Amino acid sequence: MTKSDAQKPAFDDESDDEDLDEEEYDDMELLERLETVREDMEDLGVTTLAEVIQRIQELHHKLDKR
């Protein structure tokens, strides 16, 4: 092994596969979260984040009056 070879990081195909698997898992997890948000918004009858924020404010105001 030459000196320049010793300085190069040792990467193997398995570590690359693990990184891809972790990235794919993260993407799948994010997809699941976003689909859940969409379903919840549909159930609540809201279509925008602005509507969600408005509903939250209205409920806070309603509860504060009690």
PDB file of N, CA and C in Angstrom:
ATOM      1  N   MET A   1       0.851  -1.166   0.000  1.00  0.00           N
ATOM      2  CA  MET A   1       0.000   0.000   0.000  1.00  0.00           C
ATOM      3  C   MET A   1       0.899   1.232   0.000  1.00  0.00           C
ATOM      4  N   THR A   2       0.618   2.142  -0.890  1.00  0.00           N
ATOM      5  CA  THR A   2       1.414   3.362  -0.939  1.00  0.00           C
ATOM      6  C   THR A   2       0.908   4.358   0.082  1.00  0.00           C
ATOM      7  N   LYS A   3       1.717   5.368   0.302  1.00  0.00           N
ATOM      8  CA  LYS A   3       1.336   6.399   1.273  1.00  0.00           C
ATOM      9  C   LYS A   3       0.035   7.081   0.853  1.00  0.00           C
ATOM     10  N   SER A   4      -0.135   7.339  -0.438  1.00  0.00           N
ATOM     11  CA  SER A   4      -1.355   8.008  -0.906  1.00  0.00           C
ATOM     12  C   SER A   4      -2.580   7.110  -0.725  1.00  0.00           C
ATOM     13  N   ASP A   5      -2.403   5.785  -0.876  1.00  0.00           N
ATOM     14  CA  ASP A   5      -3.514   4.860  -0.647  1.00  0.00           C
ATOM     15  C   ASP A   5      -3.944   4.865   0.814  1.00  0.00           C
ATOM     16  N   ALA A   6      -2.988   4.990   1.716  1.00  0.00           N
ATOM     17  CA  ALA A   6      -3.298   4.979   3.145  1.00  0.00           C
ATOM     18  C   ALA A   6      -4.083   6.215   3.555  1.00  0.00           C
ATOM     19  N   GLN A   7      -3.925   7.303   2.821  1.00  0.00           N
ATOM     20  CA  GLN A   7      -4.622   8.539   3.160  1.00  0.00           C
ATOM     21  C   GLN A   7      -6.045   8.565   2.626  1.00  0.00           C
ATOM     22  N   LYS A   8      -6.361   7.738   1.668  1.00  0.00           N
ATOM     23  CA  LYS A   8      -7.708   7.711   1.102  1.00  0.00           C
ATOM     24  C   LYS A   8      -8.661   7.026   2.070  1.00  0.00           C
ATOM     25  N   PRO A   9      -9.856   7.574   2.233  1.00  0.00           N
ATOM     26  CA  PRO A   9     -10.823   6.898   3.111  1.00  0.00           C
ATOM     27  C   PRO A   9     -11.236   5.571   2.509  1.00  0.00           C
ATOM     28  N   ALA A  10     -11.436   4.606   3.358  1.00  0.00           N
ATOM     29  CA  ALA A  10     -11.827   3.275   2.896  1.00  0.00           C
ATOM     30  C   ALA A  10     -13.347   3.193   2.859  1.00  0.00           C
ATOM     31  N   PHE A  11     -13.905   3.212   1.668  1.00  0.00           N
ATOM     32  CA  PHE A  11     -15.350   3.080   1.494  1.00  0.00           C
ATOM     33  C   PHE A  11     -15.627   1.734   0.850  1.00  0.00           C
ATOM     34  N   ASP A  12     -16.619   1.078   1.335  1.00  0.00           N
ATOM     35  CA  ASP A  12     -16.999  -0.176   0.708  1.00  0.00           C
ATOM     36  C   ASP A  12     -18.438  -0.051   0.236  1.00  0.00           C
ATOM     37  N   ASP A  13     -18.836  -0.960  -0.619  1.00  0.00           N
ATOM     38  CA  ASP A  13     -20.184  -0.917  -1.179  1.00  0.00           C
ATOM     39  C   ASP A  13     -21.251  -1.042  -0.108  1.00  0.00           C
ATOM     40  N   GLU A  14     -20.979  -1.782   0.955  1.00  0.00           N
ATOM     41  CA  GLU A  14     -21.969  -1.966   2.015  1.00  0.00           C
ATOM     42  C   GLU A  14     -22.302  -0.653   2.702  1.00  0.00           C
ATOM     43  N   SER A  15     -21.300   0.172   2.990  1.00  0.00           N
ATOM     44  CA  SER A  15     -21.586   1.444   3.654  1.00  0.00           C
ATOM     45  C   SER A  15     -22.378   2.357   2.730  1.00  0.00           C
ATOM     46  N   ASP A  16     -22.106   2.316   1.426  1.00  0.00           N
ATOM     47  CA  ASP A  16     -22.891   3.095   0.476  1.00  0.00           C
ATOM     48  C   ASP A  16     -24.333   2.607   0.453  1.00  0.00           C
ATOM     49  N   ASP A  17     -24.523   1.284   0.483  1.00  0.00           N
ATOM     50  CA  ASP A  17     -25.869   0.715   0.498  1.00  0.00           C
ATOM     51  C   ASP A  17     -26.608   1.100   1.767  1.00  0.00           C
ATOM     52  N   GLU A  18     -25.901   1.099   2.904  1.00  0.00           N
ATOM     53  CA  GLU A  18     -26.529   1.472   4.172  1.00  0.00           C
ATOM     54  C   GLU A  18     -26.969   2.925   4.137  1.00  0.00           C
ATOM     55  N   ASP A  19     -26.149   3.800   3.553  1.00  0.00           N
ATOM     56  CA  ASP A  19     -26.513   5.209   3.437  1.00  0.00           C
ATOM     57  C   ASP A  19     -27.754   5.367   2.574  1.00  0.00           C
ATOM     58  N   LEU A  20     -27.800   4.645   1.472  1.00  0.00           N
ATOM     59  CA  LEU A  20     -28.971   4.711   0.608  1.00  0.00           C
ATOM     60  C   LEU A  20     -30.192   4.166   1.326  1.00  0.00           C
ATOM     61  N   ASP A  21     -30.033   3.079   2.053  1.00  0.00           N
ATOM     62  CA  ASP A  21     -31.153   2.509   2.783  1.00  0.00           C
ATOM     63  C   ASP A  21     -31.658   3.480   3.838  1.00  0.00           C
ATOM     64  N   GLU A  22     -30.750   4.156   4.527  1.00  0.00           N
ATOM     65  CA  GLU A  22     -31.147   5.127   5.548  1.00  0.00           C
ATOM     66  C   GLU A  22     -31.862   6.310   4.903  1.00  0.00           C
ATOM     67  N   GLU A  23     -31.352   6.774   3.771  1.00  0.00           N
ATOM     68  CA  GLU A  23     -31.987   7.885   3.059  1.00  0.00           C
ATOM     69  C   GLU A  23     -33.368   7.469   2.566  1.00  0.00           C
ATOM     70  N   GLU A  24     -33.475   6.260   2.040  1.00  0.00           N
ATOM     71  CA  GLU A  24     -34.762   5.760   1.566  1.00  0.00           C
ATOM     72  C   GLU A  24     -35.742   5.636   2.729  1.00  0.00           C
ATOM     73  N   TYR A  25     -35.270   5.154   3.863  1.00  0.00           N
ATOM     74  CA  TYR A  25     -36.115   5.045   5.048  1.00  0.00           C
ATOM     75  C   TYR A  25     -36.608   6.424   5.476  1.00  0.00           C
ATOM     76  N   ASP A  26     -35.705   7.407   5.491  1.00  0.00           N
ATOM     77  CA  ASP A  26     -36.088   8.772   5.860  1.00  0.00           C
ATOM     78  C   ASP A  26     -37.136   9.325   4.901  1.00  0.00           C
ATOM     79  N   ASP A  27     -36.955   9.059   3.605  1.00  0.00           N
ATOM     80  CA  ASP A  27     -37.931   9.513   2.611  1.00  0.00           C
ATOM     81  C   ASP A  27     -39.285   8.848   2.818  1.00  0.00           C
ATOM     82  N   MET A  28     -39.266   7.553   3.101  1.00  0.00           N
ATOM     83  CA  MET A  28     -40.523   6.831   3.331  1.00  0.00           C
ATOM     84  C   MET A  28     -41.220   7.352   4.591  1.00  0.00           C
ATOM     85  N   GLU A  29     -40.446   7.641   5.627  1.00  0.00           N
ATOM     86  CA  GLU A  29     -41.004   8.174   6.871  1.00  0.00           C
ATOM     87  C   GLU A  29     -41.629   9.553   6.635  1.00  0.00           C
ATOM     88  N   LEU A  30     -40.951  10.407   5.874  1.00  0.00           N
ATOM     89  CA  LEU A  30     -41.481  11.728   5.551  1.00  0.00           C
ATOM     90  C   LEU A  30     -42.748  11.608   4.715  1.00  0.00           C
ATOM     91  N   LEU A  31     -42.743  10.703   3.756  1.00  0.00           N
ATOM     92  CA  LEU A  31     -43.926  10.474   2.933  1.00  0.00           C
ATOM     93  C   LEU A  31     -45.115  10.072   3.795  1.00  0.00           C
ATOM     94  N   GLU A  32     -44.907   9.182   4.728  1.00  0.00           N
ATOM     95  CA  GLU A  32     -45.971   8.733   5.632  1.00  0.00           C
ATOM     96  C   GLU A  32     -46.515   9.904   6.449  1.00  0.00           C
ATOM     97  N   ARG A  33     -45.627  10.737   6.965  1.00  0.00           N
ATOM     98  CA  ARG A  33     -46.055  11.899   7.759  1.00  0.00           C
ATOM     99  C   ARG A  33     -46.875  12.864   6.917  1.00  0.00           C
ATOM    100  N   LEU A  34     -46.410  13.144   5.702  1.00  0.00           N
ATOM    101  CA  LEU A  34     -47.122  14.070   4.827  1.00  0.00           C
ATOM    102  C   LEU A  34     -48.487  13.527   4.419  1.00  0.00           C
ATOM    103  N   GLU A  35     -48.568  12.230   4.143  1.00  0.00           N
ATOM    104  CA  GLU A  35     -49.859  11.630   3.803  1.00  0.00           C
ATOM    105  C   GLU A  35     -50.818  11.711   4.984  1.00  0.00           C
ATOM    106  N   THR A  36     -50.311  11.535   6.192  1.00  0.00           N
ATOM    107  CA  THR A  36     -51.139  11.651   7.393  1.00  0.00           C
ATOM    108  C   THR A  36     -51.653  13.078   7.550  1.00  0.00           C
ATOM    109  N   VAL A  37     -50.785  14.054   7.311  1.00  0.00           N
ATOM    110  CA  VAL A  37     -51.205  15.459   7.385  1.00  0.00           C
ATOM    111  C   VAL A  37     -52.312  15.718   6.367  1.00  0.00           C
ATOM    112  N   ARG A  38     -52.128  15.236   5.151  1.00  0.00           N
ATOM    113  CA  ARG A  38     -53.140  15.433   4.108  1.00  0.00           C
ATOM    114  C   ARG A  38     -54.467  14.817   4.516  1.00  0.00           C
ATOM    115  N   GLU A  39     -54.441  13.596   5.023  1.00  0.00           N
ATOM    116  CA  GLU A  39     -55.673  12.928   5.445  1.00  0.00           C
ATOM    117  C   GLU A  39     -56.346  13.687   6.585  1.00  0.00           C
ATOM    118  N   ASP A  40     -55.557  14.155   7.547  1.00  0.00           N
ATOM    119  CA  ASP A  40     -56.114  14.930   8.662  1.00  0.00           C
ATOM    120  C   ASP A  40     -56.742  16.223   8.162  1.00  0.00           C
ATOM    121  N   MET A  41     -56.092  16.893   7.236  1.00  0.00           N
ATOM    122  CA  MET A  41     -56.644  18.135   6.685  1.00  0.00           C
ATOM    123  C   MET A  41     -57.952  17.862   5.955  1.00  0.00           C
ATOM    124  N   GLU A  42     -58.007  16.781   5.200  1.00  0.00           N
ATOM    125  CA  GLU A  42     -59.244  16.422   4.511  1.00  0.00           C
ATOM    126  C   GLU A  42     -60.349  16.139   5.514  1.00  0.00           C
ATOM    127  N   ASP A  43     -60.038  15.402   6.579  1.00  0.00           N
ATOM    128  CA  ASP A  43     -61.024  15.090   7.618  1.00  0.00           C
ATOM    129  C   ASP A  43     -61.540  16.353   8.294  1.00  0.00           C
ATOM    130  N   LEU A  44     -60.667  17.338   8.472  1.00  0.00           N
ATOM    131  CA  LEU A  44     -61.040  18.587   9.142  1.00  0.00           C
ATOM    132  C   LEU A  44     -61.675  19.604   8.201  1.00  0.00           C
ATOM    133  N   GLY A  45     -61.640  19.325   6.922  1.00  0.00           N
ATOM    134  CA  GLY A  45     -62.242  20.230   5.947  1.00  0.00           C
ATOM    135  C   GLY A  45     -61.414  21.480   5.680  1.00  0.00           C
ATOM    136  N   VAL A  46     -60.110  21.382   5.828  1.00  0.00           N
ATOM    137  CA  VAL A  46     -59.227  22.507   5.517  1.00  0.00           C
ATOM    138  C   VAL A  46     -58.325  22.123   4.350  1.00  0.00           C
ATOM    139  N   THR A  47     -57.962  23.153   3.575  1.00  0.00           N
ATOM    140  CA  THR A  47     -57.144  22.865   2.399  1.00  0.00           C
ATOM    141  C   THR A  47     -55.811  23.596   2.392  1.00  0.00           C
ATOM    142  N   THR A  48     -55.659  24.565   3.297  1.00  0.00           N
ATOM    143  CA  THR A  48     -54.401  25.317   3.331  1.00  0.00           C
ATOM    144  C   THR A  48     -53.886  25.428   4.761  1.00  0.00           C
ATOM    145  N   LEU A  49     -52.607  25.711   4.874  1.00  0.00           N
ATOM    146  CA  LEU A  49     -52.014  25.941   6.183  1.00  0.00           C
ATOM    147  C   LEU A  49     -52.638  27.174   6.831  1.00  0.00           C
ATOM    148  N   ALA A  50     -52.974  28.171   6.020  1.00  0.00           N
ATOM    149  CA  ALA A  50     -53.610  29.383   6.550  1.00  0.00           C
ATOM    150  C   ALA A  50     -54.934  29.042   7.235  1.00  0.00           C
ATOM    151  N   GLU A  51     -55.702  28.125   6.654  1.00  0.00           N
ATOM    152  CA  GLU A  51     -56.961  27.695   7.282  1.00  0.00           C
ATOM    153  C   GLU A  51     -56.702  26.976   8.601  1.00  0.00           C
ATOM    154  N   VAL A  52     -55.679  26.163   8.643  1.00  0.00           N
ATOM    155  CA  VAL A  52     -55.326  25.454   9.880  1.00  0.00           C
ATOM    156  C   VAL A  52     -54.977  26.467  10.964  1.00  0.00           C
ATOM    157  N   ILE A  53     -54.156  27.441  10.626  1.00  0.00           N
ATOM    158  CA  ILE A  53     -53.751  28.464  11.589  1.00  0.00           C
ATOM    159  C   ILE A  53     -54.961  29.255  12.070  1.00  0.00           C
ATOM    160  N   GLN A  54     -55.844  29.608  11.157  1.00  0.00           N
ATOM    161  CA  GLN A  54     -57.054  30.350  11.524  1.00  0.00           C
ATOM    162  C   GLN A  54     -57.928  29.541  12.475  1.00  0.00           C
ATOM    163  N   ARG A  55     -58.119  28.262  12.171  1.00  0.00           N
ATOM    164  CA  ARG A  55     -58.931  27.401  13.047  1.00  0.00           C
ATOM    165  C   ARG A  55     -58.308  27.284  14.430  1.00  0.00           C
ATOM    166  N   ILE A  56     -57.004  27.175  14.502  1.00  0.00           N
ATOM    167  CA  ILE A  56     -56.307  27.096  15.787  1.00  0.00           C
ATOM    168  C   ILE A  56     -56.551  28.375  16.582  1.00  0.00           C
ATOM    169  N   GLN A  57     -56.396  29.513  15.920  1.00  0.00           N
ATOM    170  CA  GLN A  57     -56.610  30.792  16.599  1.00  0.00           C
ATOM    171  C   GLN A  57     -58.047  30.918  17.097  1.00  0.00           C
ATOM    172  N   GLU A  58     -59.006  30.504  16.271  1.00  0.00           N
ATOM    173  CA  GLU A  58     -60.415  30.572  16.667  1.00  0.00           C
ATOM    174  C   GLU A  58     -60.679  29.705  17.893  1.00  0.00           C
ATOM    175  N   LEU A  59     -60.119  28.512  17.908  1.00  0.00           N
ATOM    176  CA  LEU A  59     -60.330  27.617  19.047  1.00  0.00           C
ATOM    177  C   LEU A  59     -59.640  28.136  20.306  1.00  0.00           C
ATOM    178  N   HIS A  60     -58.457  28.710  20.159  1.00  0.00           N
ATOM    179  CA  HIS A  60     -57.792  29.321  21.318  1.00  0.00           C
ATOM    180  C   HIS A  60     -58.657  30.443  21.885  1.00  0.00           C
ATOM    181  N   HIS A  61     -59.177  31.282  20.998  1.00  0.00           N
ATOM    182  CA  HIS A  61     -60.017  32.401  21.424  1.00  0.00           C
ATOM    183  C   HIS A  61     -61.281  31.886  22.120  1.00  0.00           C
ATOM    184  N   LYS A  62     -61.901  30.877  21.536  1.00  0.00           N
ATOM    185  CA  LYS A  62     -63.118  30.292  22.120  1.00  0.00           C
ATOM    186  C   LYS A  62     -62.834  29.730  23.512  1.00  0.00           C
ATOM    187  N   LEU A  63     -61.741  29.003  23.655  1.00  0.00           N
ATOM    188  CA  LEU A  63     -61.398  28.398  24.942  1.00  0.00           C
ATOM    189  C   LEU A  63     -60.975  29.445  25.971  1.00  0.00           C
ATOM    190  N   ASP A  64     -60.341  30.519  25.517  1.00  0.00           N
ATOM    191  CA  ASP A  64     -59.931  31.578  26.434  1.00  0.00           C
ATOM    192  C   ASP A  64     -61.137  32.316  27.013  1.00  0.00           C
ATOM    193  N   LYS A  65     -62.236  32.349  26.275  1.00  0.00           N
ATOM    194  CA  LYS A  65     -63.447  33.039  26.736  1.00  0.00           C
ATOM    195  C   LYS A  65     -64.142  32.269  27.857  1.00  0.00           C
ATOM    196  N   ARG A  66     -63.872  30.997  27.984  1.00  0.00           N
ATOM    197  CA  ARG A  66     -64.548  30.162  28.993  1.00  0.00           C
ATOM    198  C   ARG A  66     -64.005  30.388  30.361  1.00  0.00           C
TER     199      ARG A  66
END
